[in-house]
């Protein structure tokens, strides 16, 4: 039996999660596989958390693609009201997202996941990280009782976009992207500290949701809030994404063939092409189709020589 331990890490990125889901769908169809079979642990933040929960519930990536395509416009409606209300309250009503997630997951509990899963959120009331975990260790005795749709809402309650989520024991939870938009390090820490894996046995597939190529104007050099504004959020997210990836590369190093043990796909795209809450579905799906053509052979070479053992929850 292989000693390898393979982690699938899924970034946050709003509706751009369609890219990650489409990449996984193309891998399945090109290689004739069930992609979840090759991962011992799945970690996902925000939209990546929704994808992780979908995979854990038994959905195939193509079904998750259909979820984004069918529900995206209702979750992120482009109306005059949303453009006005964003200045004094959350831009979007959470009800369409909640309804879409309930339709997707029903009352299925986190503990019913077929895969080990970790989903980051953030407890803004206590200024502390919050991790939802499947019962993959004997001390994990609470989260498995939480419905998947609630976990999905908690990890995707992006500040200014959606209201704080209080549906789990009245804890004030917001999007896990405020601290772990790229959850690669969350996955590695879980594998080592909770599951007892050694760093030498860990490989990671890290999927981003595309990264904008954007120059930063000189006005930022001595700028205040008016100059930085939305740019500050973009820089924070990109900085965390890059930081997590760099740390993971340093921790895991290279395999015996001198290849990185963290394979990341997060292609650069022109500024303004996609946004967290607005995009051209056709263009994003086209981007995923293009990237997956080159990515599939790498995936096959690095990840398909190991299949994950069946996940048996500790509460069974």
C-alpha atoms as a PDB file:
ATOM      1  CA  UNK A   1       0.000   0.000   0.000  1.00  0.00           C
ATOM      2  CA  UNK A   2       1.292   3.472  -0.912  1.00  0.00           C
ATOM      3  CA  UNK A   3       2.437   5.753   1.912  1.00  0.00           C
ATOM      4  CA  UNK A   4       1.542   8.785  -0.157  1.00  0.00           C
ATOM      5  CA  UNK A   5      -1.028  11.220   1.157  1.00  0.00           C
ATOM      6  CA  UNK A   6      -2.574  13.464  -1.483  1.00  0.00           C
ATOM      7  CA  UNK A   7      -4.414  16.703  -0.772  1.00  0.00           C
ATOM      8  CA  UNK A   8      -6.746  18.640  -3.058  1.00  0.00           C
ATOM      9  CA  UNK A   9      -6.770  22.341  -2.137  1.00  0.00           C
ATOM     10  CA  UNK A  10      -9.433  24.647  -3.602  1.00  0.00           C
ATOM     11  CA  UNK A  11      -9.135  28.456  -3.434  1.00  0.00           C
ATOM     12  CA  UNK A  12     -11.876  30.951  -2.769  1.00  0.00           C
ATOM     13  CA  UNK A  13     -12.925  33.263  -5.574  1.00  0.00           C
ATOM     14  CA  UNK A  14     -16.696  33.749  -5.726  1.00  0.00           C
ATOM     15  CA  UNK A  15     -18.383  32.763  -8.970  1.00  0.00           C
ATOM     16  CA  UNK A  16     -14.912  32.076 -10.411  1.00  0.00           C
ATOM     17  CA  UNK A  17     -15.122  28.728  -8.630  1.00  0.00           C
ATOM     18  CA  UNK A  18     -16.650  27.688 -11.947  1.00  0.00           C
ATOM     19  CA  UNK A  19     -13.055  27.543 -13.258  1.00  0.00           C
ATOM     20  CA  UNK A  20     -11.903  25.081 -10.576  1.00  0.00           C
ATOM     21  CA  UNK A  21     -14.947  22.863 -11.035  1.00  0.00           C
ATOM     22  CA  UNK A  22     -14.475  22.868 -14.816  1.00  0.00           C
ATOM     23  CA  UNK A  23     -10.793  21.900 -14.499  1.00  0.00           C
ATOM     24  CA  UNK A  24     -11.769  18.904 -12.352  1.00  0.00           C
ATOM     25  CA  UNK A  25     -14.534  17.990 -14.801  1.00  0.00           C
ATOM     26  CA  UNK A  26     -12.109  18.002 -17.740  1.00  0.00           C
ATOM     27  CA  UNK A  27      -9.621  15.872 -15.800  1.00  0.00           C
ATOM     28  CA  UNK A  28     -12.341  13.283 -15.173  1.00  0.00           C
ATOM     29  CA  UNK A  29     -13.508  13.240 -18.765  1.00  0.00           C
ATOM     30  CA  UNK A  30     -10.049  13.297 -20.384  1.00  0.00           C
ATOM     31  CA  UNK A  31      -8.575  10.633 -18.100  1.00  0.00           C
ATOM     32  CA  UNK A  32     -11.746   8.569 -17.523  1.00  0.00           C
ATOM     33  CA  UNK A  33     -11.479   8.768 -13.739  1.00  0.00           C
ATOM     34  CA  UNK A  34     -13.341   9.864 -10.630  1.00  0.00           C
ATOM     35  CA  UNK A  35     -10.968  12.605  -9.512  1.00  0.00           C
ATOM     36  CA  UNK A  36     -11.956  12.348  -5.836  1.00  0.00           C
ATOM     37  CA  UNK A  37     -10.560   8.816  -5.738  1.00  0.00           C
ATOM     38  CA  UNK A  38      -7.028  10.196  -5.822  1.00  0.00           C
ATOM     39  CA  UNK A  39      -7.213  12.451  -2.758  1.00  0.00           C
ATOM     40  CA  UNK A  40      -7.004  11.510   0.904  1.00  0.00           C
ATOM     41  CA  UNK A  41      -8.050  14.988   2.080  1.00  0.00           C
ATOM     42  CA  UNK A  42      -9.901  17.871   0.440  1.00  0.00           C
ATOM     43  CA  UNK A  43      -9.666  21.434   1.756  1.00  0.00           C
ATOM     44  CA  UNK A  44     -11.673  24.291   0.304  1.00  0.00           C
ATOM     45  CA  UNK A  45     -12.359  27.914   1.176  1.00  0.00           C
ATOM     46  CA  UNK A  46     -15.444  29.913   0.229  1.00  0.00           C
ATOM     47  CA  UNK A  47     -16.393  28.850  -3.321  1.00  0.00           C
ATOM     48  CA  UNK A  48     -13.686  26.184  -2.994  1.00  0.00           C
ATOM     49  CA  UNK A  49     -15.473  24.984   0.129  1.00  0.00           C
ATOM     50  CA  UNK A  50     -18.687  24.570  -1.847  1.00  0.00           C
ATOM     51  CA  UNK A  51     -16.811  22.468  -4.412  1.00  0.00           C
ATOM     52  CA  UNK A  52     -15.165  20.407  -1.649  1.00  0.00           C
ATOM     53  CA  UNK A  53     -18.541  19.741  -0.044  1.00  0.00           C
ATOM     54  CA  UNK A  54     -19.971  18.809  -3.424  1.00  0.00           C
ATOM     55  CA  UNK A  55     -17.218  16.254  -3.983  1.00  0.00           C
ATOM     56  CA  UNK A  56     -17.660  14.947  -0.448  1.00  0.00           C
ATOM     57  CA  UNK A  57     -21.393  14.543  -0.980  1.00  0.00           C
ATOM     58  CA  UNK A  58     -20.754  12.391  -4.028  1.00  0.00           C
ATOM     59  CA  UNK A  59     -21.298  14.952  -6.780  1.00  0.00           C
ATOM     60  CA  UNK A  60     -19.132  14.762  -9.865  1.00  0.00           C
ATOM     61  CA  UNK A  61     -17.328  17.926 -10.991  1.00  0.00           C
ATOM     62  CA  UNK A  62     -19.515  18.286 -14.095  1.00  0.00           C
ATOM     63  CA  UNK A  63     -22.565  18.426 -11.812  1.00  0.00           C
ATOM     64  CA  UNK A  64     -20.858  21.177  -9.806  1.00  0.00           C
ATOM     65  CA  UNK A  65     -20.171  23.077 -13.049  1.00  0.00           C
ATOM     66  CA  UNK A  66     -23.898  22.898 -13.800  1.00  0.00           C
ATOM     67  CA  UNK A  67     -24.632  24.219 -10.299  1.00  0.00           C
ATOM     68  CA  UNK A  68     -22.547  27.346 -10.946  1.00  0.00           C
ATOM     69  CA  UNK A  69     -23.976  27.901 -14.407  1.00  0.00           C
ATOM     70  CA  UNK A  70     -27.580  27.430 -13.309  1.00  0.00           C
ATOM     71  CA  UNK A  71     -27.463  29.274  -9.977  1.00  0.00           C
ATOM     72  CA  UNK A  72     -24.824  31.967 -10.529  1.00  0.00           C
ATOM     73  CA  UNK A  73     -27.113  34.678 -11.905  1.00  0.00           C
ATOM     74  CA  UNK A  74     -29.594  34.280  -9.042  1.00  0.00           C
ATOM     75  CA  UNK A  75     -26.850  34.345  -6.375  1.00  0.00           C
ATOM     76  CA  UNK A  76     -25.112  37.392  -7.870  1.00  0.00           C
ATOM     77  CA  UNK A  77     -27.874  39.408  -9.578  1.00  0.00           C
ATOM     78  CA  UNK A  78     -26.665  42.442 -11.492  1.00  0.00           C
ATOM     79  CA  UNK A  79     -29.218  45.111 -10.656  1.00  0.00           C
ATOM     80  CA  UNK A  80     -29.195  48.804  -9.906  1.00  0.00           C
ATOM     81  CA  UNK A  81     -30.202  48.014  -6.320  1.00  0.00           C
ATOM     82  CA  UNK A  82     -27.089  45.891  -5.676  1.00  0.00           C
ATOM     83  CA  UNK A  83     -24.869  48.694  -6.946  1.00  0.00           C
ATOM     84  CA  UNK A  84     -26.516  51.206  -4.608  1.00  0.00           C
ATOM     85  CA  UNK A  85     -26.966  49.107  -1.448  1.00  0.00           C
ATOM     86  CA  UNK A  86     -23.292  48.007  -1.332  1.00  0.00           C
ATOM     87  CA  UNK A  87     -22.390  51.403   0.139  1.00  0.00           C
ATOM     88  CA  UNK A  88     -24.284  50.876   3.398  1.00  0.00           C
ATOM     89  CA  UNK A  89     -24.949  47.119   3.708  1.00  0.00           C
ATOM     90  CA  UNK A  90     -24.012  43.774   2.176  1.00  0.00           C
ATOM     91  CA  UNK A  91     -24.269  43.914  -1.603  1.00  0.00           C
ATOM     92  CA  UNK A  92     -26.324  40.730  -1.995  1.00  0.00           C
ATOM     93  CA  UNK A  93     -29.210  39.103  -0.167  1.00  0.00           C
ATOM     94  CA  UNK A  94     -28.096  35.716   1.182  1.00  0.00           C
ATOM     95  CA  UNK A  95     -31.453  34.022   0.487  1.00  0.00           C
ATOM     96  CA  UNK A  96     -30.751  32.996  -3.153  1.00  0.00           C
ATOM     97  CA  UNK A  97     -27.397  31.496  -2.105  1.00  0.00           C
ATOM     98  CA  UNK A  98     -29.000  29.703   0.848  1.00  0.00           C
ATOM     99  CA  UNK A  99     -31.775  28.329  -1.378  1.00  0.00           C
ATOM    100  CA  UNK A 100     -29.280  27.161  -3.995  1.00  0.00           C
ATOM    101  CA  UNK A 101     -27.193  25.375  -1.359  1.00  0.00           C
ATOM    102  CA  UNK A 102     -30.235  23.742   0.230  1.00  0.00           C
ATOM    103  CA  UNK A 103     -31.371  22.558  -3.201  1.00  0.00           C
ATOM    104  CA  UNK A 104     -27.887  21.157  -3.799  1.00  0.00           C
ATOM    105  CA  UNK A 105     -27.163  19.452  -0.480  1.00  0.00           C
ATOM    106  CA  UNK A 106     -30.601  19.000   1.075  1.00  0.00           C
ATOM    107  CA  UNK A 107     -30.231  18.101   4.754  1.00  0.00           C
ATOM    108  CA  UNK A 108     -27.094  16.027   4.211  1.00  0.00           C
ATOM    109  CA  UNK A 109     -24.715  16.446   7.155  1.00  0.00           C
ATOM    110  CA  UNK A 110     -20.982  17.120   7.046  1.00  0.00           C
ATOM    111  CA  UNK A 111     -20.527  13.764   8.764  1.00  0.00           C
ATOM    112  CA  UNK A 112     -22.041  12.048   5.724  1.00  0.00           C
ATOM    113  CA  UNK A 113     -19.158  13.135   3.481  1.00  0.00           C
ATOM    114  CA  UNK A 114     -17.465  10.344   1.557  1.00  0.00           C
ATOM    115  CA  UNK A 115     -14.123  12.171   1.826  1.00  0.00           C
ATOM    116  CA  UNK A 116     -12.114  13.780   4.618  1.00  0.00           C
ATOM    117  CA  UNK A 117     -12.835  17.492   4.379  1.00  0.00           C
ATOM    118  CA  UNK A 118     -11.642  20.683   6.102  1.00  0.00           C
ATOM    119  CA  UNK A 119     -13.469  23.969   5.431  1.00  0.00           C
ATOM    120  CA  UNK A 120     -12.070  27.275   6.791  1.00  0.00           C
ATOM    121  CA  UNK A 121     -14.305  30.035   8.116  1.00  0.00           C
ATOM    122  CA  UNK A 122     -13.603  32.884  10.547  1.00  0.00           C
ATOM    123  CA  UNK A 123     -15.257  33.706  13.881  1.00  0.00           C
ATOM    124  CA  UNK A 124     -15.437  37.485  13.696  1.00  0.00           C
ATOM    125  CA  UNK A 125     -17.018  37.682  17.135  1.00  0.00           C
ATOM    126  CA  UNK A 126     -13.929  36.153  18.751  1.00  0.00           C
ATOM    127  CA  UNK A 127     -11.361  37.172  16.115  1.00  0.00           C
ATOM    128  CA  UNK A 128     -10.352  33.555  15.732  1.00  0.00           C
ATOM    129  CA  UNK A 129     -10.079  30.996  12.942  1.00  0.00           C
ATOM    130  CA  UNK A 130     -12.852  28.423  12.630  1.00  0.00           C
ATOM    131  CA  UNK A 131     -12.451  25.105  10.852  1.00  0.00           C
ATOM    132  CA  UNK A 132     -15.261  22.731   9.946  1.00  0.00           C
ATOM    133  CA  UNK A 133     -13.980  19.145   9.829  1.00  0.00           C
ATOM    134  CA  UNK A 134     -15.392  15.759   8.984  1.00  0.00           C
ATOM    135  CA  UNK A 135     -15.033  13.162  11.788  1.00  0.00           C
ATOM    136  CA  UNK A 136     -11.634  11.906  10.601  1.00  0.00           C
ATOM    137  CA  UNK A 137     -10.195  11.868  14.125  1.00  0.00           C
ATOM    138  CA  UNK A 138     -11.742  10.618  17.354  1.00  0.00           C
ATOM    139  CA  UNK A 139     -11.633  14.073  18.955  1.00  0.00           C
ATOM    140  CA  UNK A 140     -13.740  15.639  16.170  1.00  0.00           C
ATOM    141  CA  UNK A 141     -17.150  15.201  17.762  1.00  0.00           C
ATOM    142  CA  UNK A 142     -19.170  18.292  16.807  1.00  0.00           C
ATOM    143  CA  UNK A 143     -18.991  19.464  13.202  1.00  0.00           C
ATOM    144  CA  UNK A 144     -20.281  16.220  11.698  1.00  0.00           C
ATOM    145  CA  UNK A 145     -23.774  17.157  12.931  1.00  0.00           C
ATOM    146  CA  UNK A 146     -23.858  20.402  10.899  1.00  0.00           C
ATOM    147  CA  UNK A 147     -25.769  20.368   7.586  1.00  0.00           C
ATOM    148  CA  UNK A 148     -23.517  20.829   4.573  1.00  0.00           C
ATOM    149  CA  UNK A 149     -25.483  23.829   3.361  1.00  0.00           C
ATOM    150  CA  UNK A 150     -24.725  25.651   6.614  1.00  0.00           C
ATOM    151  CA  UNK A 151     -21.009  24.890   6.322  1.00  0.00           C
ATOM    152  CA  UNK A 152     -21.109  26.218   2.755  1.00  0.00           C
ATOM    153  CA  UNK A 153     -22.823  29.438   3.846  1.00  0.00           C
ATOM    154  CA  UNK A 154     -20.357  29.946   6.700  1.00  0.00           C
ATOM    155  CA  UNK A 155     -17.271  29.629   4.510  1.00  0.00           C
ATOM    156  CA  UNK A 156     -18.691  31.865   1.751  1.00  0.00           C
ATOM    157  CA  UNK A 157     -20.110  34.758   3.808  1.00  0.00           C
ATOM    158  CA  UNK A 158     -17.764  37.252   2.166  1.00  0.00           C
ATOM    159  CA  UNK A 159     -17.691  40.629   3.983  1.00  0.00           C
ATOM    160  CA  UNK A 160     -19.541  43.387   2.073  1.00  0.00           C
ATOM    161  CA  UNK A 161     -21.003  40.777  -0.327  1.00  0.00           C
ATOM    162  CA  UNK A 162     -23.097  38.659   2.061  1.00  0.00           C
ATOM    163  CA  UNK A 163     -24.207  39.055   5.693  1.00  0.00           C
ATOM    164  CA  UNK A 164     -22.415  37.341   8.558  1.00  0.00           C
ATOM    165  CA  UNK A 165     -23.674  33.781   9.018  1.00  0.00           C
ATOM    166  CA  UNK A 166     -24.958  32.910  12.514  1.00  0.00           C
ATOM    167  CA  UNK A 167     -26.658  29.592  11.777  1.00  0.00           C
ATOM    168  CA  UNK A 168     -24.168  27.401  13.684  1.00  0.00           C
ATOM    169  CA  UNK A 169     -24.636  27.856  17.441  1.00  0.00           C
ATOM    170  CA  UNK A 170     -25.133  31.611  16.886  1.00  0.00           C
ATOM    171  CA  UNK A 171     -21.403  32.037  16.188  1.00  0.00           C
ATOM    172  CA  UNK A 172     -20.699  35.033  13.916  1.00  0.00           C
ATOM    173  CA  UNK A 173     -18.924  33.434  10.958  1.00  0.00           C
ATOM    174  CA  UNK A 174     -17.534  35.031   7.807  1.00  0.00           C
ATOM    175  CA  UNK A 175     -15.752  33.846   4.687  1.00  0.00           C
ATOM    176  CA  UNK A 176     -12.657  31.738   5.361  1.00  0.00           C
ATOM    177  CA  UNK A 177     -10.905  33.738   2.652  1.00  0.00           C
ATOM    178  CA  UNK A 178     -10.141  36.482   5.168  1.00  0.00           C
ATOM    179  CA  UNK A 179      -7.297  34.287   6.423  1.00  0.00           C
ATOM    180  CA  UNK A 180      -6.982  31.202   4.181  1.00  0.00           C
ATOM    181  CA  UNK A 181      -8.193  31.992   0.678  1.00  0.00           C
ATOM    182  CA  UNK A 182      -5.623  29.488  -0.551  1.00  0.00           C
ATOM    183  CA  UNK A 183      -6.064  26.716   2.045  1.00  0.00           C
ATOM    184  CA  UNK A 184      -3.022  24.642   1.062  1.00  0.00           C
ATOM    185  CA  UNK A 185      -1.295  25.211   4.406  1.00  0.00           C
ATOM    186  CA  UNK A 186      -4.529  24.344   6.238  1.00  0.00           C
ATOM    187  CA  UNK A 187      -4.505  20.988   4.472  1.00  0.00           C
ATOM    188  CA  UNK A 188      -0.846  20.294   5.207  1.00  0.00           C
ATOM    189  CA  UNK A 189      -1.274  21.226   8.873  1.00  0.00           C
ATOM    190  CA  UNK A 190      -4.301  18.925   9.153  1.00  0.00           C
ATOM    191  CA  UNK A 191      -2.461  16.053   7.500  1.00  0.00           C
ATOM    192  CA  UNK A 192       0.509  16.385   9.855  1.00  0.00           C
ATOM    193  CA  UNK A 193      -1.005  17.452  13.185  1.00  0.00           C
ATOM    194  CA  UNK A 194      -4.333  15.592  13.112  1.00  0.00           C
ATOM    195  CA  UNK A 195      -3.764  12.665  10.775  1.00  0.00           C
ATOM    196  CA  UNK A 196      -0.140  11.953  11.686  1.00  0.00           C
ATOM    197  CA  UNK A 197       1.294  12.167   8.179  1.00  0.00           C
ATOM    198  CA  UNK A 198       4.933  13.014   7.569  1.00  0.00           C
ATOM    199  CA  UNK A 199       5.838  15.853   5.217  1.00  0.00           C
ATOM    200  CA  UNK A 200       7.790  13.503   2.983  1.00  0.00           C
ATOM    201  CA  UNK A 201       4.598  11.579   2.131  1.00  0.00           C
ATOM    202  CA  UNK A 202       2.441  14.599   1.210  1.00  0.00           C
ATOM    203  CA  UNK A 203       1.640  15.818  -2.323  1.00  0.00           C
ATOM    204  CA  UNK A 204      -0.782  18.684  -3.045  1.00  0.00           C
ATOM    205  CA  UNK A 205      -2.880  19.729  -6.018  1.00  0.00           C
ATOM    206  CA  UNK A 206      -3.738  23.396  -5.502  1.00  0.00           C
ATOM    207  CA  UNK A 207      -6.385  24.987  -7.732  1.00  0.00           C
ATOM    208  CA  UNK A 208      -6.828  28.746  -7.923  1.00  0.00           C
ATOM    209  CA  UNK A 209      -9.645  30.600  -9.654  1.00  0.00           C
ATOM    210  CA  UNK A 210      -7.469  32.687 -12.049  1.00  0.00           C
ATOM    211  CA  UNK A 211      -5.319  35.675 -11.123  1.00  0.00           C
ATOM    212  CA  UNK A 212      -5.586  39.101 -12.705  1.00  0.00           C
ATOM    213  CA  UNK A 213      -2.520  40.652 -14.323  1.00  0.00           C
ATOM    214  CA  UNK A 214      -2.810  44.183 -13.028  1.00  0.00           C
ATOM    215  CA  UNK A 215      -0.292  46.974 -12.647  1.00  0.00           C
ATOM    216  CA  UNK A 216      -0.402  49.024  -9.460  1.00  0.00           C
ATOM    217  CA  UNK A 217      -0.387  52.816  -9.996  1.00  0.00           C
ATOM    218  CA  UNK A 218       2.235  55.054  -8.372  1.00  0.00           C
ATOM    219  CA  UNK A 219      -0.572  56.830  -6.511  1.00  0.00           C
ATOM    220  CA  UNK A 220      -0.594  53.878  -4.082  1.00  0.00           C
ATOM    221  CA  UNK A 221       2.960  54.634  -2.933  1.00  0.00           C
ATOM    222  CA  UNK A 222       1.795  57.301  -0.496  1.00  0.00           C
ATOM    223  CA  UNK A 223      -1.946  56.789  -0.854  1.00  0.00           C
ATOM    224  CA  UNK A 224      -4.637  56.551   1.766  1.00  0.00           C
ATOM    225  CA  UNK A 225      -8.011  54.828   1.802  1.00  0.00           C
ATOM    226  CA  UNK A 226      -9.292  56.674  -1.268  1.00  0.00           C
ATOM    227  CA  UNK A 227      -6.296  55.514  -3.324  1.00  0.00           C
ATOM    228  CA  UNK A 228      -6.183  51.943  -2.025  1.00  0.00           C
ATOM    229  CA  UNK A 229      -9.885  51.146  -1.622  1.00  0.00           C
ATOM    230  CA  UNK A 230     -10.745  47.898  -3.406  1.00  0.00           C
ATOM    231  CA  UNK A 231      -7.095  47.432  -4.397  1.00  0.00           C
ATOM    232  CA  UNK A 232      -6.200  46.657  -0.775  1.00  0.00           C
ATOM    233  CA  UNK A 233      -8.565  43.659  -0.739  1.00  0.00           C
ATOM    234  CA  UNK A 234      -7.117  42.384  -4.026  1.00  0.00           C
ATOM    235  CA  UNK A 235      -3.564  42.690  -2.699  1.00  0.00           C
ATOM    236  CA  UNK A 236      -4.460  40.956   0.585  1.00  0.00           C
ATOM    237  CA  UNK A 237      -6.008  38.003  -1.275  1.00  0.00           C
ATOM    238  CA  UNK A 238      -3.180  37.698  -3.793  1.00  0.00           C
ATOM    239  CA  UNK A 239      -0.595  38.029  -1.041  1.00  0.00           C
ATOM    240  CA  UNK A 240      -2.197  35.269   1.018  1.00  0.00           C
ATOM    241  CA  UNK A 241      -2.530  33.033  -2.048  1.00  0.00           C
ATOM    242  CA  UNK A 242       1.126  33.487  -2.967  1.00  0.00           C
ATOM    243  CA  UNK A 243       2.304  33.222   0.632  1.00  0.00           C
ATOM    244  CA  UNK A 244       0.516  29.937   1.279  1.00  0.00           C
ATOM    245  CA  UNK A 245       1.850  28.452  -1.945  1.00  0.00           C
ATOM    246  CA  UNK A 246       5.424  29.545  -1.236  1.00  0.00           C
ATOM    247  CA  UNK A 247       5.314  28.184   2.318  1.00  0.00           C
ATOM    248  CA  UNK A 248       3.957  24.858   1.062  1.00  0.00           C
ATOM    249  CA  UNK A 249       6.733  24.604  -1.533  1.00  0.00           C
ATOM    250  CA  UNK A 250       9.358  25.218   1.148  1.00  0.00           C
ATOM    251  CA  UNK A 251       7.791  22.700   3.534  1.00  0.00           C
ATOM    252  CA  UNK A 252       7.230  19.851   1.103  1.00  0.00           C
ATOM    253  CA  UNK A 253      10.190  20.444  -1.213  1.00  0.00           C
ATOM    254  CA  UNK A 254      10.713  18.223  -4.244  1.00  0.00           C
ATOM    255  CA  UNK A 255      10.289  14.525  -4.933  1.00  0.00           C
ATOM    256  CA  UNK A 256      13.067  12.117  -5.924  1.00  0.00           C
ATOM    257  CA  UNK A 257      12.764  13.324  -9.527  1.00  0.00           C
ATOM    258  CA  UNK A 258      13.365  16.947  -8.430  1.00  0.00           C
ATOM    259  CA  UNK A 259       9.767  17.958  -9.137  1.00  0.00           C
ATOM    260  CA  UNK A 260       7.746  20.190  -6.826  1.00  0.00           C
ATOM    261  CA  UNK A 261       5.383  18.269  -4.561  1.00  0.00           C
ATOM    262  CA  UNK A 262       2.868  21.107  -4.763  1.00  0.00           C
ATOM    263  CA  UNK A 263       1.298  21.456  -8.200  1.00  0.00           C
ATOM    264  CA  UNK A 264      -0.643  24.704  -8.526  1.00  0.00           C
ATOM    265  CA  UNK A 265      -2.864  25.890 -11.347  1.00  0.00           C
ATOM    266  CA  UNK A 266      -3.896  29.548 -11.153  1.00  0.00           C
ATOM    267  CA  UNK A 267      -3.523  31.067 -14.618  1.00  0.00           C
ATOM    268  CA  UNK A 268      -3.038  34.782 -15.125  1.00  0.00           C
ATOM    269  CA  UNK A 269      -5.785  36.567 -17.038  1.00  0.00           C
ATOM    270  CA  UNK A 270      -6.230  40.173 -18.233  1.00  0.00           C
ATOM    271  CA  UNK A 271      -7.456  42.673 -15.644  1.00  0.00           C
ATOM    272  CA  UNK A 272     -11.224  43.110 -15.577  1.00  0.00           C
ATOM    273  CA  UNK A 273     -11.990  39.899 -17.441  1.00  0.00           C
ATOM    274  CA  UNK A 274     -13.477  38.095 -14.421  1.00  0.00           C
ATOM    275  CA  UNK A 275     -14.670  39.229 -10.986  1.00  0.00           C
ATOM    276  CA  UNK A 276     -15.785  37.558  -7.757  1.00  0.00           C
ATOM    277  CA  UNK A 277     -19.411  38.254  -8.611  1.00  0.00           C
ATOM    278  CA  UNK A 278     -19.444  38.816 -12.361  1.00  0.00           C
ATOM    279  CA  UNK A 279     -18.014  37.013 -15.357  1.00  0.00           C
ATOM    280  CA  UNK A 280     -18.589  35.659 -18.819  1.00  0.00           C
ATOM    281  CA  UNK A 281     -19.335  31.970 -18.307  1.00  0.00           C
ATOM    282  CA  UNK A 282     -18.245  31.128 -21.841  1.00  0.00           C
ATOM    283  CA  UNK A 283     -14.875  32.857 -21.450  1.00  0.00           C
ATOM    284  CA  UNK A 284     -14.151  31.263 -18.073  1.00  0.00           C
ATOM    285  CA  UNK A 285     -15.164  27.804 -19.323  1.00  0.00           C
ATOM    286  CA  UNK A 286     -12.971  28.384 -22.374  1.00  0.00           C
ATOM    287  CA  UNK A 287     -10.056  29.258 -20.082  1.00  0.00           C
ATOM    288  CA  UNK A 288     -10.581  26.044 -18.123  1.00  0.00           C
ATOM    289  CA  UNK A 289     -10.783  23.964 -21.310  1.00  0.00           C
ATOM    290  CA  UNK A 290      -7.506  25.445 -22.561  1.00  0.00           C
ATOM    291  CA  UNK A 291      -5.606  25.053 -19.290  1.00  0.00           C
ATOM    292  CA  UNK A 292      -6.818  21.495 -18.694  1.00  0.00           C
ATOM    293  CA  UNK A 293      -5.395  20.294 -22.040  1.00  0.00           C
ATOM    294  CA  UNK A 294      -1.875  20.963 -20.757  1.00  0.00           C
ATOM    295  CA  UNK A 295      -2.650  20.110 -17.152  1.00  0.00           C
ATOM    296  CA  UNK A 296      -4.113  16.618 -17.580  1.00  0.00           C
ATOM    297  CA  UNK A 297      -0.780  14.921 -18.453  1.00  0.00           C
ATOM    298  CA  UNK A 298       0.847  16.493 -15.382  1.00  0.00           C
ATOM    299  CA  UNK A 299      -1.990  15.311 -13.176  1.00  0.00           C
ATOM    300  CA  UNK A 300      -1.741  11.791 -14.569  1.00  0.00           C
ATOM    301  CA  UNK A 301       2.010  11.625 -14.005  1.00  0.00           C
ATOM    302  CA  UNK A 302       2.011  13.043 -10.472  1.00  0.00           C
ATOM    303  CA  UNK A 303      -1.262  11.960  -8.858  1.00  0.00           C
ATOM    304  CA  UNK A 304      -2.614   8.880 -10.586  1.00  0.00           C
ATOM    305  CA  UNK A 305      -0.072   6.447  -9.153  1.00  0.00           C
ATOM    306  CA  UNK A 306      -1.911   6.619  -5.822  1.00  0.00           C
ATOM    307  CA  UNK A 307      -5.531   5.979  -4.899  1.00  0.00           C
ATOM    308  CA  UNK A 308      -6.891   7.104  -1.556  1.00  0.00           C
ATOM    309  CA  UNK A 309      -8.103   4.481   0.873  1.00  0.00           C
ATOM    310  CA  UNK A 310     -11.798   4.505   1.730  1.00  0.00           C
ATOM    311  CA  UNK A 311     -12.702   7.127   4.319  1.00  0.00           C
ATOM    312  CA  UNK A 312     -14.386   5.575   7.352  1.00  0.00           C
ATOM    313  CA  UNK A 313     -15.602   8.269   9.801  1.00  0.00           C
ATOM    314  CA  UNK A 314     -14.430   7.836  13.383  1.00  0.00           C
ATOM    315  CA  UNK A 315     -17.995   8.206  14.690  1.00  0.00           C
ATOM    316  CA  UNK A 316     -19.125   5.005  12.967  1.00  0.00           C
END
